[in-house]
Amino acid sequence: MWVVTIFEEDTHRIFEFETKEEALAIIETIENPAILTFTNLTLVA
């Protein structure tokens, strides 16, 4: 699973994607700083 963390002022948002290409497509459309990471873990809300 690919995880994109987007930083916005005093907070952050986390999105998960199945493929690296999906994650990179989102990163290319935003202006805020972001981190792309890969994990074998599942995010639980």
N, C-alpha and C. Protein backbone atom coordinates (compact mmCIF):
# COMPACT_ATOMS: atom_id res chain seq x y z
N MET A 1 0.85 -1.17 0.00
CA MET A 1 0.00 0.00 0.00
C MET A 1 0.90 1.24 0.00
N TRP A 2 0.53 2.19 -0.82
CA TRP A 2 1.24 3.46 -0.88
C TRP A 2 0.46 4.50 -0.09
N VAL A 3 1.16 5.30 0.69
CA VAL A 3 0.53 6.29 1.57
C VAL A 3 1.06 7.67 1.22
N VAL A 4 0.14 8.60 1.01
CA VAL A 4 0.51 10.00 0.76
C VAL A 4 0.08 10.81 1.97
N THR A 5 1.03 11.50 2.57
CA THR A 5 0.74 12.40 3.68
C THR A 5 0.90 13.82 3.16
N ILE A 6 -0.18 14.59 3.25
CA ILE A 6 -0.18 15.98 2.77
C ILE A 6 -0.24 16.90 3.98
N PHE A 7 0.67 17.87 4.02
CA PHE A 7 0.75 18.80 5.15
C PHE A 7 0.04 20.09 4.79
N GLU A 8 -0.89 20.51 5.67
CA GLU A 8 -1.68 21.72 5.46
C GLU A 8 -1.67 22.55 6.73
N GLU A 9 -1.04 23.68 6.69
CA GLU A 9 -0.95 24.62 7.81
C GLU A 9 -0.67 23.89 9.12
N ASP A 10 -1.67 23.74 10.00
CA ASP A 10 -1.46 23.13 11.32
C ASP A 10 -1.91 21.68 11.39
N THR A 11 -2.16 21.05 10.26
CA THR A 11 -2.67 19.68 10.27
C THR A 11 -2.07 18.89 9.11
N HIS A 12 -2.49 17.65 8.98
CA HIS A 12 -2.06 16.82 7.86
C HIS A 12 -3.19 15.88 7.48
N ARG A 13 -3.15 15.41 6.24
CA ARG A 13 -4.14 14.47 5.75
C ARG A 13 -3.40 13.27 5.17
N ILE A 14 -3.96 12.08 5.38
CA ILE A 14 -3.32 10.84 4.93
C ILE A 14 -4.28 10.11 3.99
N PHE A 15 -3.73 9.69 2.84
CA PHE A 15 -4.50 8.94 1.86
C PHE A 15 -3.74 7.67 1.51
N GLU A 16 -4.46 6.58 1.27
CA GLU A 16 -3.80 5.34 0.89
C GLU A 16 -4.21 4.93 -0.52
N PHE A 17 -3.27 4.32 -1.24
CA PHE A 17 -3.48 3.92 -2.63
C PHE A 17 -2.92 2.53 -2.86
N GLU A 18 -3.49 1.83 -3.81
CA GLU A 18 -3.02 0.49 -4.15
C GLU A 18 -1.74 0.52 -4.98
N THR A 19 -1.60 1.52 -5.85
CA THR A 19 -0.44 1.56 -6.74
C THR A 19 0.34 2.86 -6.55
N LYS A 20 1.60 2.79 -6.87
CA LYS A 20 2.47 3.98 -6.79
C LYS A 20 2.03 5.03 -7.80
N GLU A 21 1.57 4.58 -8.96
CA GLU A 21 1.14 5.51 -10.01
C GLU A 21 -0.06 6.35 -9.55
N GLU A 22 -1.01 5.72 -8.85
CA GLU A 22 -2.16 6.46 -8.31
C GLU A 22 -1.70 7.53 -7.32
N ALA A 23 -0.79 7.15 -6.45
CA ALA A 23 -0.30 8.07 -5.42
C ALA A 23 0.46 9.24 -6.05
N LEU A 24 1.30 8.94 -7.03
CA LEU A 24 2.05 10.00 -7.69
C LEU A 24 1.15 10.96 -8.46
N ALA A 25 0.07 10.44 -9.03
CA ALA A 25 -0.87 11.30 -9.76
C ALA A 25 -1.48 12.34 -8.82
N ILE A 26 -1.78 11.96 -7.59
CA ILE A 26 -2.33 12.91 -6.61
C ILE A 26 -1.27 13.93 -6.21
N ILE A 27 -0.07 13.48 -5.96
CA ILE A 27 1.00 14.39 -5.55
C ILE A 27 1.25 15.45 -6.62
N GLU A 28 1.15 15.08 -7.87
CA GLU A 28 1.38 16.03 -8.96
C GLU A 28 0.31 17.12 -9.03
N THR A 29 -0.86 16.88 -8.44
CA THR A 29 -1.96 17.85 -8.53
C THR A 29 -2.03 18.80 -7.34
N ILE A 30 -1.27 18.55 -6.27
CA ILE A 30 -1.36 19.40 -5.08
C ILE A 30 -0.18 20.36 -5.03
N GLU A 31 -0.36 21.43 -4.26
CA GLU A 31 0.70 22.42 -4.10
C GLU A 31 1.38 22.33 -2.73
N ASN A 32 0.73 21.70 -1.78
CA ASN A 32 1.28 21.60 -0.42
C ASN A 32 2.39 20.55 -0.37
N PRO A 33 3.28 20.65 0.61
CA PRO A 33 4.30 19.62 0.79
C PRO A 33 3.65 18.27 1.08
N ALA A 34 4.27 17.21 0.55
CA ALA A 34 3.72 15.86 0.74
C ALA A 34 4.84 14.84 0.80
N ILE A 35 4.54 13.71 1.43
CA ILE A 35 5.48 12.60 1.53
C ILE A 35 4.81 11.36 0.97
N LEU A 36 5.53 10.62 0.14
CA LEU A 36 5.05 9.35 -0.40
C LEU A 36 5.82 8.23 0.29
N THR A 37 5.09 7.28 0.89
CA THR A 37 5.73 6.16 1.57
C THR A 37 5.04 4.85 1.18
N PHE A 38 5.75 3.75 1.36
CA PHE A 38 5.20 2.42 1.11
C PHE A 38 5.17 1.65 2.42
N THR A 39 4.10 0.89 2.64
CA THR A 39 3.99 0.10 3.85
C THR A 39 3.24 -1.20 3.55
N ASN A 40 3.54 -2.22 4.31
CA ASN A 40 2.80 -3.48 4.24
C ASN A 40 1.69 -3.51 5.27
N LEU A 41 1.62 -2.47 6.11
CA LEU A 41 0.61 -2.40 7.17
C LEU A 41 -0.69 -1.81 6.62
N THR A 42 -1.78 -2.07 7.30
CA THR A 42 -3.08 -1.50 6.94
C THR A 42 -3.42 -0.40 7.93
N LEU A 43 -3.86 0.75 7.41
CA LEU A 43 -4.27 1.85 8.26
C LEU A 43 -5.65 1.56 8.83
N VAL A 44 -5.81 1.79 10.14
CA VAL A 44 -7.08 1.57 10.80
C VAL A 44 -7.52 2.87 11.45
N ALA A 45 -8.72 3.30 11.14
CA ALA A 45 -9.22 4.57 11.69
C ALA A 45 -9.77 4.36 13.08
